[in-house]
Amino acid sequence: MAANVRRYRKALGVSQQDFAYDIEMDRTYFGGVERGERNVSIDNIERIARGLKVSAHLLLMQPDRLAEDGAASPDA
């Protein structure tokens, strides 16, 4: 999940700090999510997905599957 969150956030061109602020999440918690250091609740997965403008299931897919499915960018 961490790699997917980072890829989608970077595709939006937003910093970790600004993104965390936009979705009303503590920046240190969000940074831990992107580094794979946090166990994330389904509620927070949904919050992150909404902020990234993607379906939550895309965050949970294996990163290599995203490229196969054509979902490598938020616009896909």
C-alpha atoms as a PDB file:
ATOM      1  CA  MET A   1       0.000   0.000   0.000  1.00  0.00           C
ATOM      2  CA  ALA A   2       2.798   2.425   0.878  1.00  0.00           C
ATOM      3  CA  ALA A   3       4.274   2.422  -2.638  1.00  0.00           C
ATOM      4  CA  ASN A   4       0.850   2.991  -4.190  1.00  0.00           C
ATOM      5  CA  VAL A   5       0.026   5.894  -1.879  1.00  0.00           C
ATOM      6  CA  ARG A   6       3.370   7.538  -2.604  1.00  0.00           C
ATOM      7  CA  ARG A   7       3.034   7.071  -6.378  1.00  0.00           C
ATOM      8  CA  TYR A   8      -0.480   8.546  -6.505  1.00  0.00           C
ATOM      9  CA  ARG A   9       0.436  11.464  -4.206  1.00  0.00           C
ATOM     10  CA  LYS A  10       3.477  12.319  -6.310  1.00  0.00           C
ATOM     11  CA  ALA A  11       1.359  12.098  -9.477  1.00  0.00           C
ATOM     12  CA  LEU A  12      -0.830  14.820  -7.966  1.00  0.00           C
ATOM     13  CA  GLY A  13       2.279  16.933  -7.340  1.00  0.00           C
ATOM     14  CA  VAL A  14       1.538  17.427  -3.640  1.00  0.00           C
ATOM     15  CA  SER A  15       3.957  17.210  -0.712  1.00  0.00           C
ATOM     16  CA  GLN A  16       3.342  14.774   2.144  1.00  0.00           C
ATOM     17  CA  GLN A  17       2.715  17.684   4.481  1.00  0.00           C
ATOM     18  CA  ASP A  18       0.215  19.432   2.199  1.00  0.00           C
ATOM     19  CA  PHE A  19      -1.586  16.200   1.391  1.00  0.00           C
ATOM     20  CA  ALA A  20      -1.885  15.244   5.061  1.00  0.00           C
ATOM     21  CA  TYR A  21      -3.271  18.701   5.814  1.00  0.00           C
ATOM     22  CA  ASP A  22      -5.777  18.436   2.945  1.00  0.00           C
ATOM     23  CA  ILE A  23      -7.175  15.133   4.237  1.00  0.00           C
ATOM     24  CA  GLU A  24      -7.025  16.261   7.869  1.00  0.00           C
ATOM     25  CA  MET A  25      -4.473  13.651   8.917  1.00  0.00           C
ATOM     26  CA  ASP A  26      -1.402  14.175  11.089  1.00  0.00           C
ATOM     27  CA  ARG A  27       1.621  14.582   8.814  1.00  0.00           C
ATOM     28  CA  THR A  28       3.821  12.249  10.862  1.00  0.00           C
ATOM     29  CA  TYR A  29       1.145   9.543  10.744  1.00  0.00           C
ATOM     30  CA  PHE A  30       0.765   9.964   6.985  1.00  0.00           C
ATOM     31  CA  GLY A  31       4.538   9.832   6.524  1.00  0.00           C
ATOM     32  CA  GLY A  32       4.525   6.536   8.432  1.00  0.00           C
ATOM     33  CA  VAL A  33       1.815   5.237   6.109  1.00  0.00           C
ATOM     34  CA  GLU A  34       3.941   6.069   3.062  1.00  0.00           C
ATOM     35  CA  ARG A  35       6.945   4.346   4.608  1.00  0.00           C
ATOM     36  CA  GLY A  36       4.893   1.253   5.428  1.00  0.00           C
ATOM     37  CA  GLU A  37       5.403   1.738   9.156  1.00  0.00           C
ATOM     38  CA  ARG A  38       1.725   2.040  10.094  1.00  0.00           C
ATOM     39  CA  ASN A  39      -1.174  -0.343  10.233  1.00  0.00           C
ATOM     40  CA  VAL A  40      -3.902   1.662   8.539  1.00  0.00           C
ATOM     41  CA  SER A  41      -7.588   1.366   9.386  1.00  0.00           C
ATOM     42  CA  ILE A  42     -10.113   0.977   6.600  1.00  0.00           C
ATOM     43  CA  ASP A  43     -11.466   4.426   7.466  1.00  0.00           C
ATOM     44  CA  ASN A  44      -8.051   5.995   6.904  1.00  0.00           C
ATOM     45  CA  ILE A  45      -7.533   4.016   3.694  1.00  0.00           C
ATOM     46  CA  GLU A  46     -10.788   5.495   2.416  1.00  0.00           C
ATOM     47  CA  ARG A  47      -9.779   8.992   3.536  1.00  0.00           C
ATOM     48  CA  ILE A  48      -6.440   8.699   1.730  1.00  0.00           C
ATOM     49  CA  ALA A  49      -8.074   7.275  -1.405  1.00  0.00           C
ATOM     50  CA  ARG A  50     -10.598  10.134  -1.540  1.00  0.00           C
ATOM     51  CA  GLY A  51      -7.758  12.635  -1.221  1.00  0.00           C
ATOM     52  CA  LEU A  52      -5.862  10.894  -4.015  1.00  0.00           C
ATOM     53  CA  LYS A  53      -9.023  10.727  -6.156  1.00  0.00           C
ATOM     54  CA  VAL A  54      -8.724   6.943  -6.650  1.00  0.00           C
ATOM     55  CA  SER A  55     -10.723   3.920  -5.555  1.00  0.00           C
ATOM     56  CA  ALA A  56      -9.528   2.486  -2.247  1.00  0.00           C
ATOM     57  CA  HIS A  57      -8.944  -0.952  -3.768  1.00  0.00           C
ATOM     58  CA  LEU A  58      -6.213   0.503  -5.998  1.00  0.00           C
ATOM     59  CA  LEU A  59      -4.185   1.376  -2.907  1.00  0.00           C
ATOM     60  CA  LEU A  60      -4.294  -2.247  -1.783  1.00  0.00           C
ATOM     61  CA  MET A  61      -3.166  -3.825  -5.054  1.00  0.00           C
ATOM     62  CA  GLN A  62       0.358  -5.078  -5.655  1.00  0.00           C
ATOM     63  CA  PRO A  63       2.253  -2.215  -7.360  1.00  0.00           C
ATOM     64  CA  ASP A  64       3.154  -4.403 -10.370  1.00  0.00           C
ATOM     65  CA  ARG A  65      -0.542  -5.243 -10.889  1.00  0.00           C
ATOM     66  CA  LEU A  66      -1.376  -1.551 -11.235  1.00  0.00           C
ATOM     67  CA  ALA A  67       0.771  -1.257 -14.345  1.00  0.00           C
ATOM     68  CA  GLU A  68      -0.817  -4.397 -15.821  1.00  0.00           C
ATOM     69  CA  ASP A  69      -4.324  -3.057 -15.145  1.00  0.00           C
ATOM     70  CA  GLY A  70      -3.546   0.352 -16.625  1.00  0.00           C
ATOM     71  CA  ALA A  71      -4.077   2.162 -13.313  1.00  0.00           C
ATOM     72  CA  ALA A  72      -0.589   3.604 -12.883  1.00  0.00           C
ATOM     73  CA  SER A  73      -1.873   7.164 -12.628  1.00  0.00           C
ATOM     74  CA  PRO A  74      -4.855   8.793 -10.941  1.00  0.00           C
ATOM     75  CA  ASP A  75      -6.230   9.688 -14.376  1.00  0.00           C
ATOM     76  CA  ALA A  76      -6.430   6.040 -15.495  1.00  0.00           C
END
